[in-house]
Amino acid sequence: MSDQIEEIAGVIILLVISAVVIGALYTAAIGVNSEREAFQTSSDSSSPVSLQGTNITDLEVQQSLGTKASFSNGFAKGNFNWTPDSSWTLSTWVSVDDPENRTGMMTVVSADGRATILYNATTDEWVGIVYDDASMTTHQIEASATDPSNSTFLTLERSGDEIYLTESANVSASGTVNDSTSTTAVINATNLHGTLEETRVYDVRVTAGERTDLFQNPVQPISPDPVARVMYDSWGDSISGIPIFGGGTLSATGASVVEGFAGANVTSSDYEVSSGQVVRSDGGVLDGSPMYVSYASTVTTAFASALVGFSNAAQTAMIVIAISLIAVAAAWTLDMFDSAGR
């Protein structure tokens, strides 16, 4: 009786080993054909996007994901590796939630501690704060806020000793970097309750025409290229990990993603797929613009990749071993029943 139990156990072990070998080969086969979605962004306004995997389907190319950041007691502070000289521009789109029910200062956006835009709910004004490295002094200008509850385009600009604050592409306030605008007061500002979109930093003061272009075409690139551009575009519900075009980092808290400006309509003539890469077409709407690419592809899992990496001879050997084990198990089983019959 004990001999039969040992024989049965041996048969079971052989069948298990055979199942493992066959299962591994099957996993390799289906692993090669597993589908995944990919979401990729060009690292700057000129680099292509490399597609991963094979059998690319559902390819979608966009100039913008059409989202913006909504802050609930949050802030956006950029460190763009930017050392401003006497000519620069900080621009952004902003709205303030229920401004009539708030008091005091709220920080809208800050760039490297040199340029900061705020909203003063008490006086219903936009405020620009400029730090001058040469004199190590801080300067402040204010302008009336026309309708802060709606998305508003603002710029804080400097040209030489002149500083400007504009709303909706029109100069609303100006000042001079001198003793009359110098302030030593610490700005006691709270976090933002509102939205931000399309924050850009330029190392020149934009012209009136360029400012109008930014106002009328919020998502379009303009010349010159910005030092940094934050679009607040996100594939998910969080703005963590959003790309900073041009370089640098953005610290943002208390933010979620909501619907914002849509980019221009992208057609197949605006890009081409070549050698596994999505490349912008010269003169298309993506020329000089960030590019967002999503697609589905066939990929190889890590385990499947290891198995598929074997030579054909090795795979054939594994199949032969599996069949041999099954044959041995079958012969062993027949012999066991034959012995039992005798």
Protein backbone atom coordinates (compact mmCIF):
# COMPACT_ATOMS: atom_id res chain seq x y z
CA MET A 1 0.00 0.00 0.00
CA SER A 2 2.81 2.40 0.89
CA ASP A 3 4.45 1.68 -2.49
CA GLN A 4 1.27 2.73 -4.28
CA ILE A 5 1.09 5.96 -2.27
CA GLU A 6 4.68 6.77 -3.21
CA GLU A 7 3.91 6.06 -6.87
CA ILE A 8 0.82 8.29 -6.78
CA ALA A 9 2.86 11.06 -5.15
CA GLY A 10 5.51 10.71 -7.85
CA VAL A 11 2.89 11.03 -10.59
CA ILE A 12 1.47 14.16 -8.96
CA ILE A 13 4.93 15.73 -8.71
CA LEU A 14 5.66 15.05 -12.40
CA LEU A 15 2.31 16.53 -13.43
CA VAL A 16 2.93 19.65 -11.31
CA ILE A 17 6.37 20.14 -12.88
CA SER A 18 4.85 19.73 -16.34
CA ALA A 19 2.13 22.25 -15.54
CA VAL A 20 4.73 24.80 -14.35
CA VAL A 21 6.78 24.46 -17.54
CA ILE A 22 3.72 24.70 -19.80
CA GLY A 23 2.33 27.59 -17.73
CA ALA A 24 5.59 29.50 -18.08
CA LEU A 25 5.50 29.12 -21.85
CA TYR A 26 1.85 30.20 -21.92
CA THR A 27 2.65 33.23 -19.77
CA ALA A 28 5.37 34.20 -22.22
CA ALA A 29 2.94 33.92 -25.10
CA ILE A 30 0.21 36.07 -23.54
CA GLY A 31 2.73 38.43 -21.94
CA VAL A 32 3.95 39.51 -25.33
CA ASN A 33 0.39 40.46 -26.26
CA SER A 34 -0.59 42.37 -23.12
CA GLU A 35 -2.10 45.82 -23.77
CA ARG A 36 -1.31 49.00 -21.90
CA GLU A 37 -2.13 52.69 -22.17
CA ALA A 38 0.71 55.18 -22.19
CA PHE A 39 0.69 58.90 -21.49
CA GLN A 40 3.78 60.86 -22.42
CA THR A 41 4.84 64.48 -22.68
CA SER A 42 7.66 66.04 -24.67
CA SER A 43 10.38 67.32 -22.36
CA ASP A 44 10.49 70.66 -24.17
CA SER A 45 8.86 72.40 -27.11
CA SER A 46 10.97 70.65 -29.76
CA SER A 47 11.83 67.11 -28.65
CA PRO A 48 9.83 64.18 -30.10
CA VAL A 49 7.93 61.61 -28.05
CA SER A 50 9.19 58.03 -28.29
CA LEU A 51 6.47 55.38 -28.45
CA GLN A 52 6.97 52.26 -26.35
CA GLY A 53 5.89 48.79 -27.46
CA THR A 54 4.46 47.60 -30.77
CA ASN A 55 1.09 47.64 -32.55
CA ILE A 56 0.42 51.27 -31.61
CA THR A 57 -3.31 52.06 -31.57
CA ASP A 58 -5.62 54.83 -30.30
CA LEU A 59 -2.90 57.44 -30.84
CA GLU A 60 -3.99 60.92 -29.71
CA VAL A 61 -1.76 64.00 -29.90
CA GLN A 62 -2.73 67.23 -28.12
CA GLN A 63 -1.29 70.69 -27.66
CA SER A 64 -2.87 70.94 -24.21
CA LEU A 65 -4.86 68.64 -21.94
CA GLY A 66 -7.24 71.51 -21.22
CA THR A 67 -6.86 71.57 -17.44
CA LYS A 68 -5.89 74.13 -14.80
CA ALA A 69 -5.13 74.08 -11.09
CA SER A 70 -7.84 74.83 -8.55
CA PHE A 71 -6.46 75.84 -5.15
CA SER A 72 -8.25 75.54 -1.84
CA ASN A 73 -6.02 77.30 0.67
CA GLY A 74 -3.00 76.40 -1.46
CA PHE A 75 -0.13 78.09 -3.24
CA ALA A 76 2.16 77.86 -6.27
CA LYS A 77 5.80 78.80 -5.80
CA GLY A 78 8.21 78.34 -8.67
CA ASN A 79 11.95 77.79 -8.53
CA PHE A 80 12.79 78.13 -12.20
CA ASN A 81 16.58 78.60 -11.84
CA TRP A 82 15.92 82.15 -12.94
CA THR A 83 18.12 85.08 -11.96
CA PRO A 84 16.34 88.15 -13.34
CA ASP A 85 18.26 91.17 -14.52
CA SER A 86 16.68 94.51 -15.38
CA SER A 87 14.23 93.13 -17.96
CA TRP A 88 11.73 90.32 -17.43
CA THR A 89 8.04 89.28 -17.36
CA LEU A 90 5.97 87.07 -15.07
CA SER A 91 2.53 86.26 -16.50
CA THR A 92 -0.37 84.11 -15.32
CA TRP A 93 -4.11 83.58 -15.50
CA VAL A 94 -5.87 83.66 -12.13
CA SER A 95 -9.34 83.70 -10.59
CA VAL A 96 -10.27 84.20 -6.93
CA ASP A 97 -13.09 82.27 -5.25
CA ASP A 98 -15.70 84.51 -3.58
CA PRO A 99 -13.41 87.56 -3.28
CA GLU A 100 -16.19 89.58 -1.65
CA ASN A 101 -16.16 87.18 1.31
CA ARG A 102 -12.42 87.42 1.94
CA THR A 103 -10.06 89.93 3.48
CA GLY A 104 -6.33 90.49 3.44
CA MET A 105 -3.67 89.39 0.99
CA MET A 106 -3.60 86.12 -0.96
CA THR A 107 -0.50 84.97 -2.82
CA VAL A 108 -1.29 84.23 -6.46
CA VAL A 109 2.10 83.02 -7.72
CA SER A 110 5.76 83.60 -6.88
CA ALA A 111 8.82 83.09 -9.10
CA ASP A 112 12.18 82.48 -7.42
CA GLY A 113 11.36 85.01 -4.70
CA ARG A 114 12.05 87.86 -7.15
CA ALA A 115 8.59 88.43 -8.60
CA THR A 116 5.30 87.82 -6.80
CA ILE A 117 1.70 88.56 -7.74
CA LEU A 118 -0.92 88.80 -4.98
CA TYR A 119 -4.58 89.72 -4.57
CA ASN A 120 -5.64 92.14 -1.83
CA ALA A 121 -9.23 91.21 -0.98
CA THR A 122 -9.60 94.14 1.41
CA THR A 123 -8.89 96.78 -1.25
CA ASP A 124 -9.89 94.61 -4.26
CA GLU A 125 -6.51 95.14 -5.91
CA TRP A 126 -3.85 93.12 -7.67
CA VAL A 127 -0.44 93.62 -6.08
CA GLY A 128 2.99 93.18 -7.65
CA ILE A 129 6.08 92.64 -5.49
CA VAL A 130 9.53 92.99 -7.08
CA TYR A 131 12.82 92.19 -5.37
CA ASP A 132 15.84 94.01 -6.79
CA ASP A 133 19.06 92.00 -6.40
CA ALA A 134 21.36 94.96 -7.04
CA SER A 135 20.01 97.15 -4.24
CA MET A 136 18.59 94.25 -2.18
CA THR A 137 15.32 96.15 -1.87
CA THR A 138 11.67 95.20 -2.35
CA HIS A 139 9.19 97.29 -4.35
CA GLN A 140 5.41 97.16 -4.55
CA ILE A 141 2.77 98.42 -6.99
CA GLU A 142 -1.03 97.98 -6.97
CA ALA A 143 -3.80 98.02 -9.56
CA SER A 144 -7.58 97.75 -9.26
CA ALA A 145 -9.00 94.28 -9.89
CA THR A 146 -11.81 94.52 -12.44
CA ASP A 147 -13.43 91.10 -11.97
CA PRO A 148 -11.21 88.75 -9.92
CA SER A 149 -13.85 86.02 -9.67
CA ASN A 150 -13.44 85.39 -13.42
CA SER A 151 -10.22 84.14 -14.98
CA THR A 152 -8.00 87.20 -15.43
CA PHE A 153 -4.75 87.60 -17.35
CA LEU A 154 -2.03 89.41 -15.37
CA THR A 155 1.59 90.31 -16.01
CA LEU A 156 4.23 91.76 -13.72
CA GLU A 157 6.99 93.28 -15.85
CA ARG A 158 10.28 95.09 -15.44
CA SER A 159 12.27 97.19 -17.89
CA GLY A 160 15.27 98.95 -16.40
CA ASP A 161 14.08 100.78 -13.30
CA GLU A 162 10.44 100.73 -14.44
CA ILE A 163 8.00 98.09 -13.19
CA TYR A 164 4.50 97.46 -14.53
CA LEU A 165 1.39 95.55 -13.53
CA THR A 166 -1.08 94.76 -16.31
CA GLU A 167 -4.58 93.30 -16.36
CA SER A 168 -6.11 91.84 -19.54
CA ALA A 169 -3.06 93.00 -21.55
CA ASN A 170 -3.51 96.66 -20.49
CA VAL A 171 -1.04 98.46 -18.23
CA SER A 172 -2.94 99.14 -15.01
CA ALA A 173 -0.12 100.41 -12.80
CA SER A 174 3.51 101.38 -13.09
CA GLY A 175 6.27 102.32 -10.71
CA THR A 176 9.98 102.85 -10.41
CA VAL A 177 12.59 100.81 -8.61
CA ASN A 178 13.65 103.61 -6.28
CA ASP A 179 13.18 104.78 -2.72
CA SER A 180 9.58 105.87 -3.29
CA THR A 181 8.41 102.33 -4.07
CA SER A 182 10.76 100.57 -1.68
CA THR A 183 9.15 98.72 1.19
CA THR A 184 10.61 96.86 4.11
CA ALA A 185 7.27 95.49 5.28
CA VAL A 186 6.86 91.74 5.37
CA ILE A 187 3.92 90.73 3.22
CA ASN A 188 1.57 88.78 5.46
CA ALA A 189 -0.31 86.85 2.78
CA THR A 190 -2.54 83.81 3.07
CA ASN A 191 -2.80 80.99 0.55
CA LEU A 192 -4.88 81.16 -2.61
CA HIS A 193 -8.52 80.18 -2.94
CA GLY A 194 -8.96 80.17 -6.70
CA THR A 195 -7.45 78.90 -9.95
CA LEU A 196 -4.19 79.27 -11.85
CA GLU A 197 -3.43 78.60 -15.47
CA GLU A 198 -0.61 79.25 -17.94
CA THR A 199 2.08 80.73 -15.70
CA ARG A 200 5.12 81.87 -17.69
CA VAL A 201 8.45 83.57 -16.98
CA TYR A 202 10.34 85.49 -19.68
CA ASP A 203 13.81 86.97 -19.33
CA VAL A 204 12.71 90.04 -21.32
CA ARG A 205 9.84 92.46 -20.95
CA VAL A 206 7.25 91.32 -23.50
CA THR A 207 6.08 93.87 -26.04
CA ALA A 208 2.51 95.15 -26.14
CA GLY A 209 1.86 92.93 -29.16
CA GLU A 210 3.27 89.84 -27.45
CA ARG A 211 1.22 90.57 -24.34
CA THR A 212 -1.92 90.82 -26.49
CA ASP A 213 -1.05 87.49 -28.15
CA LEU A 214 -0.75 85.85 -24.72
CA PHE A 215 -4.10 87.32 -23.72
CA GLN A 216 -5.96 86.36 -26.89
CA ASN A 217 -4.31 82.94 -27.37
CA PRO A 218 -3.55 81.66 -23.86
CA VAL A 219 -2.17 78.24 -24.87
CA GLN A 220 -0.22 79.28 -27.97
CA PRO A 221 3.57 79.64 -27.86
CA ILE A 222 4.97 83.08 -28.60
CA SER A 223 8.46 84.23 -29.43
CA PRO A 224 10.69 84.63 -27.47
CA ASP A 225 10.61 81.30 -25.66
CA PRO A 226 9.86 81.57 -21.94
CA VAL A 227 12.43 80.67 -19.32
CA ALA A 228 9.72 78.49 -17.78
CA ARG A 229 6.12 77.64 -18.59
CA VAL A 230 3.65 75.90 -16.28
CA MET A 231 0.47 74.74 -18.02
CA TYR A 232 -1.03 72.90 -15.00
CA ASP A 233 -1.94 70.09 -17.40
CA SER A 234 -2.38 66.70 -15.77
CA TRP A 235 -3.47 63.24 -16.94
CA GLY A 236 -5.02 62.60 -13.52
CA ASP A 237 -6.73 64.52 -10.72
CA SER A 238 -3.55 65.84 -9.08
CA ILE A 239 -1.09 68.47 -10.31
CA SER A 240 1.82 66.69 -8.65
CA GLY A 241 4.42 65.86 -11.25
CA ILE A 242 3.14 68.32 -13.86
CA PRO A 243 5.82 69.21 -16.42
CA ILE A 244 7.68 72.52 -16.23
CA PHE A 245 8.63 73.41 -19.78
CA GLY A 246 11.99 75.14 -19.85
CA GLY A 247 13.15 73.71 -16.53
CA GLY A 248 12.90 74.29 -12.82
CA THR A 249 10.41 73.08 -10.25
CA LEU A 250 7.04 74.16 -8.88
CA SER A 251 5.93 73.70 -5.29
CA ALA A 252 2.15 73.47 -5.16
CA THR A 253 -0.16 72.47 -2.33
CA GLY A 254 -3.91 72.29 -1.84
CA ALA A 255 -4.56 71.94 -5.57
CA SER A 256 -6.76 69.77 -7.75
CA VAL A 257 -7.32 69.66 -11.50
CA VAL A 258 -10.34 71.26 -13.19
CA GLU A 259 -11.27 72.13 -16.76
CA GLY A 260 -9.26 74.96 -18.28
CA PHE A 261 -8.19 76.37 -21.65
CA ALA A 262 -8.23 73.90 -24.52
CA GLY A 263 -5.36 73.91 -26.98
CA ALA A 264 -5.60 74.27 -30.73
CA ASN A 265 -7.14 71.40 -32.68
CA VAL A 266 -4.36 68.99 -33.69
CA THR A 267 -4.71 67.11 -36.99
CA SER A 268 -2.58 64.40 -38.58
CA SER A 269 -0.84 67.08 -40.67
CA ASP A 270 0.60 68.64 -37.50
CA TYR A 271 2.81 65.64 -36.72
CA GLU A 272 4.18 62.43 -38.16
CA VAL A 273 5.11 59.06 -36.70
CA SER A 274 8.61 58.11 -37.79
CA SER A 275 10.89 55.36 -36.43
CA GLY A 276 8.71 54.91 -33.37
CA GLN A 277 8.58 58.63 -32.54
CA VAL A 278 5.92 61.32 -32.77
CA VAL A 279 7.59 64.31 -34.45
CA ARG A 280 6.16 67.81 -34.89
CA SER A 281 5.56 69.08 -38.42
CA ASP A 282 7.18 72.38 -39.32
CA GLY A 283 4.64 75.17 -39.34
CA GLY A 284 1.93 73.10 -37.63
CA VAL A 285 0.09 74.04 -34.44
CA LEU A 286 2.58 71.93 -32.44
CA ASP A 287 5.61 73.77 -33.82
CA GLY A 288 7.31 75.33 -30.78
CA SER A 289 4.60 73.97 -28.47
CA PRO A 290 4.53 71.25 -25.83
CA MET A 291 3.04 67.96 -27.00
CA TYR A 292 0.93 65.46 -25.07
CA VAL A 293 0.65 61.93 -26.49
CA SER A 294 -1.55 59.03 -25.38
CA TYR A 295 -1.84 55.62 -27.02
CA ALA A 296 -2.29 51.89 -26.50
CA SER A 297 0.46 49.43 -27.39
CA THR A 298 1.53 45.81 -27.17
CA VAL A 299 4.20 45.32 -24.55
CA THR A 300 6.20 42.44 -23.11
CA THR A 301 5.99 41.79 -19.38
CA ALA A 302 9.26 41.41 -17.49
CA PHE A 303 8.71 37.68 -16.88
CA ALA A 304 7.61 37.07 -20.44
CA SER A 305 10.56 39.03 -21.75
CA ALA A 306 12.97 36.76 -19.90
CA LEU A 307 11.37 33.67 -21.39
CA VAL A 308 11.07 35.08 -24.87
CA GLY A 309 14.74 35.96 -24.65
CA PHE A 310 15.63 32.27 -24.85
CA SER A 311 16.69 30.94 -28.23
CA ASN A 312 14.22 28.92 -30.26
CA ALA A 313 16.23 25.80 -29.44
CA ALA A 314 15.91 26.46 -25.71
CA GLN A 315 12.16 26.97 -26.00
CA THR A 316 11.87 23.76 -28.03
CA ALA A 317 13.85 21.93 -25.35
CA MET A 318 11.44 23.17 -22.66
CA ILE A 319 8.48 21.89 -24.67
CA VAL A 320 10.17 18.49 -25.17
CA ILE A 321 10.90 18.27 -21.43
CA ALA A 322 7.29 19.08 -20.57
CA ILE A 323 5.95 16.45 -23.00
CA SER A 324 8.47 13.89 -21.73
CA LEU A 325 7.42 14.50 -18.13
CA ILE A 326 3.78 14.02 -19.06
CA ALA A 327 4.65 10.80 -20.93
CA VAL A 328 6.61 9.47 -17.95
CA ALA A 329 3.73 10.33 -15.62
CA ALA A 330 1.28 8.55 -17.94
CA ALA A 331 3.48 5.45 -18.20
CA TRP A 332 3.99 5.42 -14.44
CA THR A 333 0.24 5.64 -13.90
CA LEU A 334 -0.48 2.75 -16.31
CA ASP A 335 2.18 0.63 -14.66
CA MET A 336 0.72 1.40 -11.24
CA PHE A 337 -2.77 0.31 -12.32
CA ASP A 338 -1.35 -2.78 -14.04
CA SER A 339 0.47 -3.77 -10.85
CA ALA A 340 -2.69 -3.21 -8.82
CA GLY A 341 -4.64 -5.48 -11.22
CA ARG A 342 -2.18 -8.31 -10.73
